[in-house]
Amino acid sequence: TSRDHLYPSSWAALEETYPRLKSGLWNLEAPTQRILDWCQSRDVACLNLLPIFEVDRDSGGERLHYVHDGHWTAAGHALAARAAAQFILRESLL
């Protein structure tokens, strides 16, 4: 997941720093969609963490990305680990 994708204020700050981003040509969904399309075309099990992170963000959970560098916080790592474990079990990958 990307801090700038998950937190609108982070994207807004980027747009202020780089005004060309306001052109509307940027599709924040595109990188994730390319990966999901690749996985689907090759029948590869793939976990999209963005919807999971969005639900947690919307429920008022702890911040999942650091403000200044965009890496996951401890809460982000814990959420990703739980989601990955559930995905592995659900898909019988282990």
Protein backbone atom coordinates (compact mmCIF):
# COMPACT_ATOMS: atom_id res chain seq x y z
CA THR A 1 0.00 0.00 0.00
CA SER A 2 1.04 3.59 -0.49
CA ARG A 3 0.73 6.36 2.07
CA ASP A 4 -0.23 8.75 -0.70
CA HIS A 5 -2.96 6.42 -1.91
CA LEU A 6 -4.33 5.61 1.54
CA TYR A 7 -4.28 9.10 3.04
CA PRO A 8 -5.78 11.88 0.89
CA SER A 9 -3.87 14.54 2.84
CA SER A 10 -0.58 12.92 1.79
CA TRP A 11 -1.62 13.03 -1.87
CA ALA A 12 -2.73 16.66 -1.47
CA ALA A 13 0.69 17.55 -0.04
CA LEU A 14 2.36 15.91 -3.03
CA GLU A 15 0.14 17.88 -5.39
CA GLU A 16 1.17 21.09 -3.67
CA THR A 17 4.83 20.17 -4.03
CA TYR A 18 4.45 18.93 -7.61
CA PRO A 19 1.58 20.86 -9.26
CA ARG A 20 1.70 18.74 -12.44
CA LEU A 21 0.16 15.93 -10.39
CA LYS A 22 -3.06 17.96 -10.39
CA SER A 23 -3.42 17.37 -14.14
CA GLY A 24 -5.73 14.44 -13.53
CA LEU A 25 -3.51 12.16 -15.60
CA TRP A 26 -2.30 10.28 -12.52
CA ASN A 27 -4.18 7.12 -11.68
CA LEU A 28 -3.29 5.95 -8.20
CA GLU A 29 -5.10 2.66 -8.87
CA ALA A 30 -3.01 1.80 -11.94
CA PRO A 31 0.02 0.10 -10.31
CA THR A 32 -2.15 -2.13 -8.12
CA GLN A 33 -4.44 -2.95 -11.03
CA ARG A 34 -1.48 -3.96 -13.21
CA ILE A 35 -0.29 -6.37 -10.55
CA LEU A 36 -3.77 -7.80 -9.99
CA ASP A 37 -4.26 -8.22 -13.74
CA TRP A 38 -0.91 -9.99 -14.03
CA CYS A 39 -1.80 -12.35 -11.18
CA GLN A 40 -5.21 -13.11 -12.63
CA SER A 41 -3.86 -13.75 -16.13
CA ARG A 42 -1.41 -16.29 -14.72
CA ASP A 43 -3.74 -17.81 -12.12
CA VAL A 44 -1.51 -16.62 -9.28
CA ALA A 45 -3.05 -16.10 -5.86
CA CYS A 46 -2.69 -12.43 -5.01
CA LEU A 47 -3.67 -10.43 -1.94
CA ASN A 48 -4.65 -6.79 -2.44
CA LEU A 49 -3.99 -5.11 0.91
CA LEU A 50 -5.43 -1.73 -0.06
CA PRO A 51 -9.10 -2.53 0.72
CA ILE A 52 -8.05 -4.05 4.05
CA PHE A 53 -5.98 -0.98 4.92
CA GLU A 54 -8.86 1.30 3.85
CA VAL A 55 -11.34 -0.45 6.16
CA ASP A 56 -8.92 -0.13 9.08
CA ARG A 57 -8.25 3.54 8.28
CA ASP A 58 -11.97 4.27 8.01
CA SER A 59 -12.68 2.56 11.34
CA GLY A 60 -10.34 4.98 13.10
CA GLY A 61 -7.53 2.55 13.71
CA GLU A 62 -3.93 3.61 14.26
CA ARG A 63 -2.06 5.23 11.40
CA LEU A 64 -0.73 2.51 9.08
CA HIS A 65 2.00 4.52 7.34
CA TYR A 66 4.50 6.95 8.80
CA VAL A 67 3.82 10.55 7.85
CA HIS A 68 7.32 11.44 6.65
CA ASP A 69 8.67 8.39 4.88
CA GLY A 70 5.62 6.35 3.92
CA HIS A 71 6.79 3.03 5.36
CA TRP A 72 4.32 0.97 7.35
CA THR A 73 4.04 1.64 11.06
CA ALA A 74 3.92 -1.23 13.57
CA ALA A 75 0.14 -1.18 13.15
CA GLY A 76 0.51 -1.41 9.37
CA HIS A 77 2.87 -4.37 9.65
CA ALA A 78 0.55 -6.13 12.11
CA LEU A 79 -2.48 -5.60 9.86
CA ALA A 80 -0.58 -6.87 6.80
CA ALA A 81 0.65 -9.91 8.73
CA ARG A 82 -2.85 -10.83 9.90
CA ALA A 83 -4.26 -10.36 6.40
CA ALA A 84 -1.46 -12.43 4.85
CA ALA A 85 -1.93 -15.24 7.37
CA GLN A 86 -5.69 -15.35 6.71
CA PHE A 87 -5.06 -15.29 2.94
CA ILE A 88 -2.54 -18.13 3.12
CA LEU A 89 -4.95 -20.27 5.12
CA ARG A 90 -7.99 -19.37 3.00
CA GLU A 91 -6.15 -20.16 -0.26
CA SER A 92 -4.59 -23.33 1.20
CA LEU A 93 -1.12 -22.10 0.26
CA LEU A 94 0.56 -23.78 3.18
